[in-house]
Amino acid sequence: MTDYELLDSGHQAKLERFGEWILHRPSPQAFWAPRLGQEDWARAHARYERSSQGGGQWVEPLRAPESWQCQIGPLSLELRRTGFGHVGVFAEQIRFWEWITAAAAKFARQRGRAARVLNLFAYTGGSSLAAAMGGAEVTHLDASRGVVKWASENADRNDLGTGSIRWIVDDALKFLRREERRGSHYDAIILDPPSFGRGPRGEVWKLEEGAAELLDAVVALLQEPAAYLLLSAHTPGLGPIALANLLHSSLGPRLQGLEIERGEMFVAAGEGRLDLPAGTWARAFDSELCA
């Protein structure tokens, strides 16, 4: 059961229902015409508008609250209208949660211990909570202290905050390097890196330039035999084949025994509506653990 619904998309926007609240937000890839009429789009309780100067803001109407609870897939999450136009969940990731939970549960049954899962760029915790629901020991990492606090509150809300998740606020690459020096290893790693970022000294990071270094550092922490490595991205022009090739080159000889799948991320719409593209994904996995 879920209280999320993609109602319509088009004219570079999307109309979504989160529980009882309907939001109108930008969606650059939705360049087709909407299916619903203007009167349906006018039902939105809040609308986010991007600025030509960068950034954006929520504009009238503002009938939706600043925050509210919502059932998203198997999880009860707190959603918030943030200044970036996000609300605390990326709907295209929901389809991975069941797979992540099942993989953790099967790992425990087959190997007699909890899977150690690392979730990088972990945001408000959907994938971390999904892994913990399957019995995994999870390390949740994000560079934003506020977002990590938000994720830990979501864990408490789902009765998953009693020690199964370790919360880390850090730069992903620096953390990976330290973990390698410590000799740490993980059975499964999840990452959804940003397209663009800035370091504390103004350093510019772009996914297409830094992805190979990042993936090499990730692979160095994978336990052998690994359960899976799940990579997703929202960078325009970066397709599923490119992500799969990145996994191939980074894993190298460690790819033996793992299968690779790839695809387009999307938000599924109901019957008679158009699905909404939302990025790409690729994963290398042990098919006996992650069917």
Protein backbone atom coordinates (compact mmCIF):
# COMPACT_ATOMS: atom_id res chain seq x y z
CA MET A 1 0.00 0.00 0.00
CA THR A 2 1.24 3.50 -0.78
CA ASP A 3 -0.18 7.00 -0.44
CA TYR A 4 1.87 8.27 -3.40
CA GLU A 5 0.43 8.75 -6.89
CA LEU A 6 1.72 10.36 -10.08
CA LEU A 7 -1.41 12.08 -11.36
CA ASP A 8 -0.02 13.65 -14.54
CA SER A 9 3.07 15.09 -16.20
CA GLY A 10 3.87 17.39 -19.09
CA HIS A 11 5.05 20.88 -20.04
CA GLN A 12 8.16 20.17 -17.91
CA ALA A 13 6.15 19.64 -14.74
CA LYS A 14 4.62 16.82 -12.69
CA LEU A 15 1.47 16.63 -10.62
CA GLU A 16 1.79 14.25 -7.65
CA ARG A 17 -0.31 13.20 -4.68
CA PHE A 18 1.45 12.53 -1.37
CA GLY A 19 -1.29 11.35 0.94
CA GLU A 20 -3.99 14.02 0.90
CA TRP A 21 -1.73 16.72 -0.54
CA ILE A 22 -1.24 17.40 -4.26
CA LEU A 23 1.97 19.10 -5.38
CA HIS A 24 2.92 20.73 -8.69
CA ARG A 25 6.68 20.57 -9.22
CA PRO A 26 9.15 20.99 -12.11
CA SER A 27 10.16 17.96 -14.19
CA PRO A 28 12.48 18.99 -17.06
CA GLN A 29 12.19 15.66 -18.91
CA ALA A 30 8.39 15.91 -19.18
CA PHE A 31 8.39 17.87 -22.44
CA TRP A 32 5.12 16.36 -23.77
CA ALA A 33 1.61 17.76 -23.31
CA PRO A 34 -0.22 16.94 -20.05
CA ARG A 35 -3.17 14.56 -20.20
CA LEU A 36 -5.22 16.45 -17.61
CA GLY A 37 -6.67 19.92 -18.07
CA GLN A 38 -5.77 23.15 -16.33
CA GLU A 39 -8.59 22.73 -13.82
CA ASP A 40 -7.04 19.44 -12.63
CA TRP A 41 -3.59 21.00 -12.26
CA ALA A 42 -5.19 23.90 -10.36
CA ARG A 43 -6.14 21.39 -7.63
CA ALA A 44 -2.52 21.44 -6.42
CA HIS A 45 -2.16 22.45 -2.78
CA ALA A 46 1.35 23.85 -3.41
CA ARG A 47 3.52 24.64 -6.43
CA TYR A 48 7.30 24.92 -6.68
CA GLU A 49 8.65 27.33 -9.27
CA ARG A 50 12.26 27.42 -10.42
CA SER A 51 14.02 30.76 -10.81
CA SER A 52 15.95 31.73 -13.93
CA GLN A 53 18.70 32.84 -11.53
CA GLY A 54 18.96 29.33 -10.05
CA GLY A 55 17.16 27.77 -7.11
CA GLY A 56 13.46 28.41 -6.71
CA GLN A 57 10.63 28.72 -4.21
CA TRP A 58 7.18 27.47 -3.30
CA VAL A 59 4.54 29.85 -4.60
CA GLU A 60 0.81 30.30 -4.21
CA PRO A 61 -1.23 28.33 -3.55
CA LEU A 62 0.43 27.18 -0.33
CA ARG A 63 -2.35 25.11 1.17
CA ALA A 64 -0.08 22.10 1.80
CA PRO A 65 1.64 22.09 5.23
CA GLU A 66 5.38 22.49 5.74
CA SER A 67 5.60 18.82 6.80
CA TRP A 68 3.33 15.79 7.07
CA GLN A 69 3.38 11.99 7.44
CA CYS A 70 2.88 9.77 4.42
CA GLN A 71 2.93 6.03 3.73
CA ILE A 72 5.35 5.47 0.83
CA GLY A 73 5.54 1.81 -0.14
CA PRO A 74 6.24 -0.13 3.08
CA LEU A 75 7.53 2.91 4.95
CA SER A 76 5.96 5.70 6.98
CA LEU A 77 7.96 8.83 6.16
CA GLU A 78 7.96 12.45 7.17
CA LEU A 79 7.72 14.65 4.08
CA ARG A 80 8.68 18.33 4.03
CA ARG A 81 8.48 21.12 1.49
CA THR A 82 12.18 21.99 1.21
CA GLY A 83 13.73 25.08 -0.34
CA PHE A 84 15.08 22.94 -3.19
CA GLY A 85 11.61 21.74 -4.18
CA HIS A 86 12.24 18.24 -2.78
CA VAL A 87 9.93 16.64 -0.23
CA GLY A 88 12.06 13.86 1.27
CA VAL A 89 11.50 10.97 -1.12
CA PHE A 90 12.36 10.28 -4.75
CA ALA A 91 9.48 8.20 -6.06
CA GLU A 92 11.60 6.47 -8.72
CA GLN A 93 13.59 4.77 -5.93
CA ILE A 94 10.54 3.09 -4.37
CA ARG A 95 10.69 0.17 -6.81
CA PHE A 96 14.15 -0.82 -5.47
CA TRP A 97 13.10 -1.04 -1.82
CA GLU A 98 11.36 -4.41 -2.02
CA TRP A 99 14.41 -5.86 -3.83
CA ILE A 100 16.79 -4.45 -1.19
CA THR A 101 14.69 -5.87 1.68
CA ALA A 102 14.39 -9.30 0.06
CA ALA A 103 18.13 -9.45 -0.67
CA ALA A 104 19.00 -8.68 2.97
CA ALA A 105 16.59 -11.33 4.28
CA LYS A 106 17.86 -14.00 1.86
CA PHE A 107 21.48 -13.14 2.69
CA ALA A 108 20.80 -13.77 6.39
CA ARG A 109 19.12 -17.11 5.65
CA GLN A 110 21.84 -18.37 3.32
CA ARG A 111 24.94 -17.07 5.11
CA GLY A 112 23.76 -17.21 8.70
CA ARG A 113 24.51 -13.59 9.56
CA ALA A 114 23.22 -10.10 8.86
CA ALA A 115 24.36 -8.46 5.64
CA ARG A 116 26.55 -5.37 6.08
CA VAL A 117 25.08 -2.71 3.79
CA LEU A 118 26.57 0.72 3.02
CA ASN A 119 24.24 3.39 1.63
CA LEU A 120 26.09 6.43 0.25
CA PHE A 121 24.43 9.77 -0.59
CA ALA A 122 21.62 8.19 1.42
CA TYR A 123 19.32 11.23 1.75
CA THR A 124 16.31 10.67 4.05
CA GLY A 125 16.85 6.95 4.36
CA GLY A 126 14.39 5.04 2.16
CA SER A 127 16.94 2.47 0.95
CA SER A 128 18.62 2.30 4.37
CA LEU A 129 15.31 1.50 6.04
CA ALA A 130 14.48 -1.05 3.34
CA ALA A 131 17.76 -2.89 4.04
CA ALA A 132 17.20 -2.74 7.81
CA MET A 133 13.70 -4.17 7.34
CA GLY A 134 15.37 -7.24 5.83
CA GLY A 135 17.64 -7.61 8.86
CA ALA A 136 20.78 -5.91 7.50
CA GLU A 137 23.30 -3.93 9.52
CA VAL A 138 23.29 -0.61 7.69
CA THR A 139 25.74 2.28 7.48
CA HIS A 140 23.87 5.36 6.28
CA LEU A 141 26.03 8.23 5.00
CA ASP A 142 25.16 11.70 3.74
CA ALA A 143 27.11 14.97 3.78
CA SER A 144 24.14 16.93 5.20
CA ARG A 145 23.72 16.75 8.98
CA GLY A 146 20.11 17.90 8.73
CA VAL A 147 19.24 15.21 6.20
CA VAL A 148 20.85 12.49 8.32
CA LYS A 149 18.81 13.66 11.32
CA TRP A 150 15.69 13.53 9.15
CA ALA A 151 16.58 9.96 8.11
CA SER A 152 17.14 8.86 11.72
CA GLU A 153 13.71 10.26 12.64
CA ASN A 154 12.21 8.22 9.78
CA ALA A 155 13.93 5.14 11.22
CA ASP A 156 12.35 5.78 14.63
CA ARG A 157 8.99 6.25 12.94
CA ASN A 158 9.30 2.74 11.47
CA ASP A 159 10.71 1.12 14.64
CA LEU A 160 14.09 0.68 12.96
CA GLY A 161 16.16 3.08 15.03
CA THR A 162 17.34 0.71 17.76
CA GLY A 163 20.89 0.02 16.59
CA SER A 164 20.49 -1.62 13.17
CA ILE A 165 21.59 1.59 11.39
CA ARG A 166 24.81 3.55 11.90
CA TRP A 167 24.42 7.24 11.02
CA ILE A 168 27.39 9.03 9.42
CA VAL A 169 27.73 12.68 8.33
CA ASP A 170 30.74 12.86 6.01
CA ASP A 171 32.05 13.32 2.50
CA ALA A 172 31.55 10.02 0.69
CA LEU A 173 34.98 9.69 -0.91
CA LYS A 174 36.83 10.64 2.29
CA PHE A 175 34.81 8.10 4.24
CA LEU A 176 35.51 5.38 1.68
CA ARG A 177 39.26 6.05 1.86
CA ARG A 178 39.23 5.85 5.67
CA GLU A 179 37.20 2.64 5.62
CA GLU A 180 39.70 1.08 3.21
CA ARG A 181 42.59 1.98 5.55
CA ARG A 182 40.65 0.42 8.45
CA GLY A 183 40.14 -2.77 6.48
CA SER A 184 36.33 -2.44 6.54
CA HIS A 185 34.19 -4.36 4.06
CA TYR A 186 30.52 -4.43 3.12
CA ASP A 187 28.43 -7.17 1.55
CA ALA A 188 26.32 -4.69 -0.42
CA ILE A 189 26.71 -1.04 -1.37
CA ILE A 190 24.03 1.37 -2.60
CA LEU A 191 24.86 4.77 -4.08
CA ASP A 192 22.94 7.53 -5.81
CA PRO A 193 25.60 10.22 -6.35
CA PRO A 194 24.69 13.79 -7.31
CA SER A 195 25.36 15.15 -10.78
CA PHE A 196 27.24 18.14 -9.36
CA GLY A 197 28.64 19.22 -6.01
CA ARG A 198 31.05 21.57 -4.24
CA GLY A 199 33.54 20.71 -1.54
CA PRO A 200 34.24 22.75 1.62
CA ARG A 201 36.98 24.70 -0.18
CA GLY A 202 34.89 25.38 -3.27
CA GLU A 203 36.09 22.29 -5.14
CA VAL A 204 33.80 21.37 -8.01
CA TRP A 205 32.77 17.71 -8.43
CA LYS A 206 30.99 16.43 -11.53
CA LEU A 207 29.70 12.88 -11.77
CA GLU A 208 30.95 12.23 -15.28
CA GLU A 209 34.45 13.29 -14.21
CA GLY A 210 34.57 11.76 -10.72
CA ALA A 211 32.50 8.59 -11.15
CA ALA A 212 35.39 6.26 -11.97
CA GLU A 213 37.40 7.30 -8.90
CA LEU A 214 34.31 7.03 -6.71
CA LEU A 215 33.42 3.55 -8.01
CA ASP A 216 36.99 2.29 -7.56
CA ALA A 217 36.84 3.39 -3.91
CA VAL A 218 33.44 1.69 -3.51
CA VAL A 219 34.61 -1.59 -5.05
CA ALA A 220 37.63 -1.65 -2.70
CA LEU A 221 35.18 -2.06 0.21
CA LEU A 222 33.08 -4.85 -1.30
CA GLN A 223 33.30 -8.14 0.54
CA GLU A 224 34.10 -11.17 -1.59
CA PRO A 225 31.79 -12.72 -2.57
CA ALA A 226 29.60 -9.61 -2.68
CA ALA A 227 25.83 -9.59 -2.59
CA TYR A 228 25.32 -6.55 -4.81
CA LEU A 229 26.38 -3.08 -5.89
CA LEU A 230 23.45 -0.82 -6.85
CA LEU A 231 24.22 2.45 -8.67
CA SER A 232 21.70 5.05 -9.78
CA ALA A 233 22.08 8.52 -11.28
CA HIS A 234 19.97 11.48 -12.36
CA THR A 235 22.55 13.10 -14.66
CA PRO A 236 21.06 14.08 -18.06
CA GLY A 237 22.70 12.22 -20.92
CA LEU A 238 24.12 9.47 -18.70
CA GLY A 239 22.35 6.34 -19.89
CA PRO A 240 22.02 2.79 -18.52
CA ILE A 241 24.76 1.44 -20.81
CA ALA A 242 27.23 4.02 -19.45
CA LEU A 243 26.43 3.03 -15.85
CA ALA A 244 26.72 -0.68 -16.64
CA ASN A 245 30.06 -0.08 -18.38
CA LEU A 246 31.24 1.80 -15.30
CA LEU A 247 30.42 -1.21 -13.13
CA HIS A 248 32.19 -3.54 -15.57
CA SER A 249 35.39 -1.48 -15.59
CA SER A 250 35.43 -0.83 -11.83
CA LEU A 251 34.71 -4.41 -10.77
CA GLY A 252 37.10 -5.98 -13.27
CA PRO A 253 38.00 -9.53 -12.21
CA ARG A 254 35.71 -9.21 -9.17
CA LEU A 255 32.76 -9.29 -11.55
CA GLN A 256 33.10 -13.09 -11.69
CA GLY A 257 29.99 -14.65 -10.18
CA LEU A 258 27.97 -11.44 -10.46
CA GLU A 259 25.37 -10.52 -13.05
CA ILE A 260 24.80 -7.00 -14.33
CA GLU A 261 21.42 -5.47 -15.06
CA ARG A 262 20.70 -1.93 -16.22
CA GLY A 263 17.67 0.19 -16.94
CA GLU A 264 15.91 3.52 -16.89
CA MET A 265 14.49 4.82 -13.64
CA PHE A 266 10.95 6.07 -13.89
CA VAL A 267 7.91 6.92 -11.83
CA ALA A 268 5.09 4.58 -12.78
CA ALA A 269 1.75 6.20 -13.50
CA GLY A 270 -1.68 4.61 -13.39
CA GLU A 271 -3.60 3.16 -16.30
CA GLY A 272 -4.09 5.63 -19.13
CA ARG A 273 -1.30 7.90 -17.82
CA LEU A 274 2.29 8.39 -18.94
CA ASP A 275 5.25 7.07 -16.92
CA LEU A 276 7.80 9.73 -16.00
CA PRO A 277 11.53 9.15 -16.74
CA ALA A 278 13.76 9.99 -13.78
CA GLY A 279 17.32 8.80 -14.38
CA THR A 280 19.16 5.52 -14.87
CA TRP A 281 20.37 2.56 -12.82
CA ALA A 282 22.71 -0.40 -13.04
CA ARG A 283 23.48 -3.16 -10.57
CA ALA A 284 25.94 -6.01 -10.22
CA PHE A 285 24.53 -8.79 -8.06
CA ASP A 286 24.72 -12.42 -6.95
CA SER A 287 21.66 -13.94 -8.60
CA GLU A 288 21.38 -16.60 -5.86
CA LEU A 289 20.90 -13.87 -3.26
CA CYS A 290 19.16 -11.18 -5.30
CA ALA A 291 16.74 -12.79 -7.73
